[in-house]
Amino acid sequence: MTSNMMLCALQFAYEGRSFEENFATLQALVEQTPSNSIVLAPELCLSAYSYDKMEAGAAFSAVMLPTLAKLSTTKTFGLTLIEKTDTGYVNNFKLFHHGELIYTRAKAKLFTLGEEEDYFSSGKDEDIRIIEVDGIKIAVLICFELRFPKLWEQIKGADLILVPAYWGKLRKKHFEVLTTALAITNQAYVLCANGADESMAKGSAIISPFGDVTSDDNSELIMHTFDVHEIKKMRRYLDIGLNHNAANGSL
């Protein structure tokens, strides 16, 4: 495990823009991140929730997969995309690592207030698990999934929790409190990336195992070092049993 890699949260506006324009913004930001970093983009950052363009969004996602993989040639990169499956459209998280797609799962908890259930098929709770990438135990909670305590139980023992989000500004405090609590409870790093449109909470951040928050609502790129020793230190001095929690999946 590399202890000095950089965690990078992207935070930009993409509602009402073309898919191509959003990809250009995404590409420019990813290219600004250092090699050997872990980069997270906001939820559905290429298409937003384009309910009137679901077919086009899914088609664009399919075409862009090889290009998205190339963005991860020297790093690890995650985002969610509209994809079409046999069960309907899904909001699929994708994790690319050194040019390859290594992990994917569909959003399991759909946001009723946002009418997601009318347009997306939900994934399975049991697919929310810990994976291992270069010795780092990584878990993912997609936006609304952050609110479910039972899902926190499923990812106990993760070193890094990724939270791609499209979280509204009316509940900004909820987003900030929950992501910070997630880091403190799991004695892990939390890397959260939220949209920056006018209606969005922003609040993208890197949160340390101690609960220290690195965030800037005026920046499109927030970075902070990942230090495995901080995780070990917290779990050693405040032992709540996480040192003995094995990952339930690996790559």
Protein backbone atom coordinates (compact mmCIF):
# COMPACT_ATOMS: atom_id res chain seq x y z
CA MET A 1 0.00 0.00 0.00
CA THR A 2 1.27 3.46 -0.93
CA SER A 3 0.92 5.84 2.00
CA ASN A 4 1.48 9.14 0.20
CA MET A 5 -0.99 8.98 -2.67
CA MET A 6 -3.36 11.89 -3.26
CA LEU A 7 -7.12 11.78 -2.82
CA CYS A 8 -8.89 14.10 -5.29
CA ALA A 9 -12.53 15.24 -5.21
CA LEU A 10 -13.95 16.87 -8.34
CA GLN A 11 -16.71 19.47 -7.91
CA PHE A 12 -18.24 21.15 -10.94
CA ALA A 13 -21.56 22.21 -12.44
CA TYR A 14 -23.04 20.01 -15.16
CA GLU A 15 -26.84 20.37 -15.09
CA GLY A 16 -28.29 21.49 -18.44
CA ARG A 17 -24.99 21.18 -20.31
CA SER A 18 -24.29 18.82 -23.18
CA PHE A 19 -22.78 15.42 -22.48
CA GLU A 20 -19.75 16.42 -24.54
CA GLU A 21 -19.23 19.64 -22.59
CA ASN A 22 -19.43 17.78 -19.31
CA PHE A 23 -16.91 15.21 -20.46
CA ALA A 24 -14.52 17.99 -21.52
CA THR A 25 -14.75 19.50 -18.03
CA LEU A 26 -14.26 16.11 -16.41
CA GLN A 27 -11.27 15.27 -18.58
CA ALA A 28 -9.57 18.60 -17.91
CA LEU A 29 -9.94 18.15 -14.15
CA VAL A 30 -8.80 14.53 -14.09
CA GLU A 31 -5.73 15.49 -16.10
CA GLN A 32 -4.84 18.03 -13.40
CA THR A 33 -4.64 15.32 -10.75
CA PRO A 34 -1.27 13.72 -9.99
CA SER A 35 -0.23 10.22 -10.97
CA ASN A 36 -0.94 7.53 -8.38
CA SER A 37 -3.98 9.43 -7.09
CA ILE A 38 -7.54 8.29 -6.41
CA VAL A 39 -10.00 10.60 -8.16
CA LEU A 40 -13.77 10.77 -7.64
CA ALA A 41 -16.29 12.66 -9.77
CA PRO A 42 -19.82 13.75 -8.75
CA GLU A 43 -22.80 11.49 -9.39
CA LEU A 44 -23.90 11.29 -13.05
CA CYS A 45 -21.47 14.07 -13.93
CA LEU A 46 -21.67 13.45 -17.69
CA SER A 47 -25.44 13.49 -18.02
CA ALA A 48 -26.96 14.73 -14.76
CA TYR A 49 -30.45 13.33 -14.13
CA SER A 50 -31.55 13.68 -17.75
CA TYR A 51 -34.85 11.85 -17.45
CA ASP A 52 -35.88 13.11 -20.87
CA LYS A 53 -32.65 11.80 -22.44
CA MET A 54 -32.11 8.44 -20.77
CA GLU A 55 -31.51 6.54 -24.01
CA ALA A 56 -29.04 9.16 -25.23
CA GLY A 57 -27.32 9.23 -21.84
CA ALA A 58 -26.88 5.47 -21.82
CA ALA A 59 -25.59 5.49 -25.39
CA PHE A 60 -23.06 8.22 -24.56
CA SER A 61 -21.88 6.26 -21.51
CA ALA A 62 -21.32 3.15 -23.61
CA VAL A 63 -19.29 5.05 -26.19
CA MET A 64 -17.19 6.81 -23.56
CA LEU A 65 -16.18 3.77 -21.49
CA PRO A 66 -12.84 3.19 -23.30
CA THR A 67 -11.98 6.90 -23.04
CA LEU A 68 -12.86 6.98 -19.34
CA ALA A 69 -10.62 3.96 -18.80
CA LYS A 70 -7.73 5.80 -20.46
CA LEU A 71 -8.13 8.69 -18.01
CA SER A 72 -7.12 6.23 -15.28
CA THR A 73 -3.90 5.09 -16.96
CA THR A 74 -1.72 6.32 -14.08
CA LYS A 75 -4.36 6.58 -11.35
CA THR A 76 -7.64 5.25 -9.95
CA PHE A 77 -10.81 7.01 -11.07
CA GLY A 78 -14.48 6.59 -10.12
CA LEU A 79 -17.80 8.01 -11.33
CA THR A 80 -21.39 6.96 -11.98
CA LEU A 81 -23.07 6.68 -15.38
CA ILE A 82 -26.51 6.06 -16.85
CA GLU A 83 -26.43 2.56 -18.32
CA LYS A 84 -29.06 0.37 -19.93
CA THR A 85 -29.41 -3.24 -18.77
CA ASP A 86 -31.90 -6.06 -19.18
CA THR A 87 -33.80 -4.74 -16.15
CA GLY A 88 -33.89 -1.13 -17.37
CA TYR A 89 -31.73 1.92 -16.80
CA VAL A 90 -29.35 1.89 -13.84
CA ASN A 91 -27.14 4.46 -12.15
CA ASN A 92 -23.92 2.46 -12.30
CA PHE A 93 -20.75 3.24 -10.35
CA LYS A 94 -17.56 2.50 -12.28
CA LEU A 95 -14.07 2.25 -10.83
CA PHE A 96 -11.17 2.35 -13.26
CA HIS A 97 -7.62 1.50 -12.24
CA HIS A 98 -4.54 1.87 -14.43
CA GLY A 99 -6.54 1.79 -17.63
CA GLU A 100 -8.93 -1.02 -16.73
CA LEU A 101 -12.49 -1.19 -15.40
CA ILE A 102 -12.14 -3.16 -12.16
CA TYR A 103 -15.45 -2.71 -10.34
CA THR A 104 -19.03 -1.76 -11.10
CA ARG A 105 -22.33 -1.79 -9.25
CA ALA A 106 -25.75 -0.18 -9.56
CA LYS A 107 -27.08 2.35 -7.05
CA ALA A 108 -29.16 0.35 -4.59
CA LYS A 109 -31.04 3.09 -2.72
CA LEU A 110 -32.95 5.36 -5.08
CA PHE A 111 -34.04 8.82 -3.95
CA THR A 112 -37.84 8.88 -3.98
CA LEU A 113 -38.07 12.68 -3.69
CA GLY A 114 -36.03 12.93 -6.87
CA GLU A 115 -38.33 10.48 -8.74
CA GLU A 116 -35.37 8.16 -9.33
CA GLU A 117 -37.55 5.08 -8.83
CA ASP A 118 -39.65 6.12 -11.84
CA TYR A 119 -36.67 6.01 -14.19
CA PHE A 120 -33.99 3.72 -12.71
CA SER A 121 -33.89 0.11 -11.62
CA SER A 122 -32.25 -0.34 -8.24
CA GLY A 123 -29.16 -2.39 -7.56
CA LYS A 124 -28.78 -4.91 -4.74
CA ASP A 125 -27.80 -4.02 -1.17
CA GLU A 126 -25.55 -7.08 -1.03
CA ASP A 127 -23.40 -5.67 -3.83
CA ILE A 128 -22.31 -2.88 -1.46
CA ARG A 129 -19.10 -4.37 -0.14
CA ILE A 130 -15.41 -3.75 0.39
CA ILE A 131 -13.01 -4.31 -2.48
CA GLU A 132 -9.23 -4.16 -2.32
CA VAL A 133 -7.12 -2.12 -4.72
CA ASP A 134 -3.34 -2.04 -4.28
CA GLY A 135 -3.73 -3.01 -0.64
CA ILE A 136 -6.35 -0.33 0.10
CA LYS A 137 -9.78 -1.51 1.22
CA ILE A 138 -12.29 0.63 -0.66
CA ALA A 139 -16.08 0.91 -0.35
CA VAL A 140 -18.62 3.06 -2.18
CA LEU A 141 -21.87 4.69 -1.05
CA ILE A 142 -23.72 6.52 -3.82
CA CYS A 143 -25.44 9.71 -2.63
CA PHE A 144 -28.74 8.71 -0.91
CA GLU A 145 -27.15 5.43 0.25
CA LEU A 146 -25.22 7.55 2.75
CA ARG A 147 -28.38 7.79 4.89
CA PHE A 148 -28.74 4.06 5.62
CA PRO A 149 -27.03 2.83 8.84
CA LYS A 150 -27.25 -0.83 7.77
CA LEU A 151 -25.08 -0.03 4.76
CA TRP A 152 -22.47 1.50 7.08
CA GLU A 153 -22.34 -1.90 8.80
CA GLN A 154 -21.65 -3.63 5.49
CA ILE A 155 -18.51 -1.56 4.85
CA LYS A 156 -16.97 -1.61 8.32
CA GLY A 157 -13.22 -2.04 7.98
CA ALA A 158 -12.82 -0.03 4.79
CA ASP A 159 -9.75 2.23 4.63
CA LEU A 160 -11.37 4.59 2.11
CA ILE A 161 -15.04 5.25 1.42
CA LEU A 162 -16.01 6.95 -1.85
CA VAL A 163 -19.22 9.01 -1.94
CA PRO A 164 -20.19 10.29 -5.41
CA ALA A 165 -23.21 12.55 -4.92
CA TYR A 166 -25.75 14.94 -6.40
CA TRP A 167 -26.92 16.31 -3.05
CA GLY A 168 -29.19 19.35 -2.85
CA LYS A 169 -28.23 22.53 -0.98
CA LEU A 170 -31.37 22.44 1.21
CA ARG A 171 -29.80 19.48 3.00
CA LYS A 172 -26.18 20.65 2.85
CA LYS A 173 -25.67 20.24 6.61
CA HIS A 174 -26.91 16.65 6.40
CA PHE A 175 -24.33 15.85 3.72
CA GLU A 176 -21.47 17.39 5.66
CA VAL A 177 -22.44 15.83 8.99
CA LEU A 178 -23.03 12.36 7.55
CA THR A 179 -19.79 12.23 5.58
CA THR A 180 -17.78 13.42 8.58
CA ALA A 181 -19.52 10.94 10.88
CA LEU A 182 -18.84 8.17 8.36
CA ALA A 183 -15.10 8.91 8.53
CA ILE A 184 -15.05 9.08 12.33
CA THR A 185 -17.21 5.98 12.81
CA ASN A 186 -15.13 3.89 10.42
CA GLN A 187 -11.79 5.47 11.40
CA ALA A 188 -11.22 5.76 7.66
CA TYR A 189 -10.81 8.35 4.95
CA VAL A 190 -13.95 9.54 3.17
CA LEU A 191 -13.63 11.02 -0.31
CA CYS A 192 -16.88 12.71 -1.37
CA ALA A 193 -17.57 14.52 -4.64
CA ASN A 194 -20.76 16.53 -5.11
CA GLY A 195 -22.16 18.64 -7.93
CA ALA A 196 -21.67 22.41 -7.96
CA ASP A 197 -24.83 23.56 -9.72
CA GLU A 198 -26.86 26.34 -8.08
CA SER A 199 -29.22 23.85 -6.46
CA MET A 200 -26.43 21.65 -5.14
CA ALA A 201 -24.88 21.54 -1.65
CA LYS A 202 -21.31 21.32 -2.94
CA GLY A 203 -19.43 20.21 0.21
CA SER A 204 -17.04 17.95 -1.69
CA ALA A 205 -14.29 16.96 0.69
CA ILE A 206 -11.59 14.63 1.88
CA ILE A 207 -12.19 13.70 5.52
CA SER A 208 -9.52 12.06 7.65
CA PRO A 209 -9.99 9.15 10.10
CA PHE A 210 -9.83 11.76 12.88
CA GLY A 211 -12.63 13.79 11.29
CA ASP A 212 -10.52 16.62 9.88
CA VAL A 213 -12.19 18.04 6.75
CA THR A 214 -10.47 19.40 3.65
CA SER A 215 -13.12 21.19 1.60
CA ASP A 216 -13.59 24.26 -0.58
CA ASP A 217 -16.97 25.12 -2.11
CA ASN A 218 -15.28 27.51 -4.53
CA SER A 219 -12.89 24.97 -6.01
CA GLU A 220 -13.42 22.42 -8.77
CA LEU A 221 -10.59 20.24 -7.45
CA ILE A 222 -9.96 19.43 -3.79
CA MET A 223 -6.93 17.31 -2.86
CA HIS A 224 -5.43 15.82 0.28
CA THR A 225 -2.86 13.13 0.98
CA PHE A 226 -3.95 9.62 1.87
CA ASP A 227 -1.85 8.39 4.79
CA VAL A 228 -2.40 4.78 5.85
CA HIS A 229 -0.54 5.49 9.09
CA GLU A 230 -3.36 7.84 10.18
CA ILE A 231 -5.81 4.95 9.86
CA LYS A 232 -3.58 2.59 11.81
CA LYS A 233 -2.96 5.19 14.49
CA MET A 234 -6.67 5.87 15.07
CA ARG A 235 -7.54 2.19 15.16
CA ARG A 236 -4.71 1.40 17.55
CA TYR A 237 -5.34 4.16 20.10
CA LEU A 238 -9.14 4.06 19.91
CA ASP A 239 -9.68 0.36 19.35
CA ILE A 240 -13.30 -0.32 18.43
CA GLY A 241 -12.56 -3.61 16.70
CA LEU A 242 -11.88 -2.37 13.18
CA ASN A 243 -8.33 -3.73 13.18
CA HIS A 244 -9.82 -7.20 13.07
CA ASN A 245 -12.50 -6.51 10.46
CA ALA A 246 -11.50 -8.34 7.29
CA ALA A 247 -12.51 -7.15 3.86
CA ASN A 248 -15.41 -9.09 2.38
CA GLY A 249 -14.15 -8.78 -1.16
CA SER A 250 -10.93 -8.18 -3.05
CA LEU A 251 -9.53 -7.33 -6.44
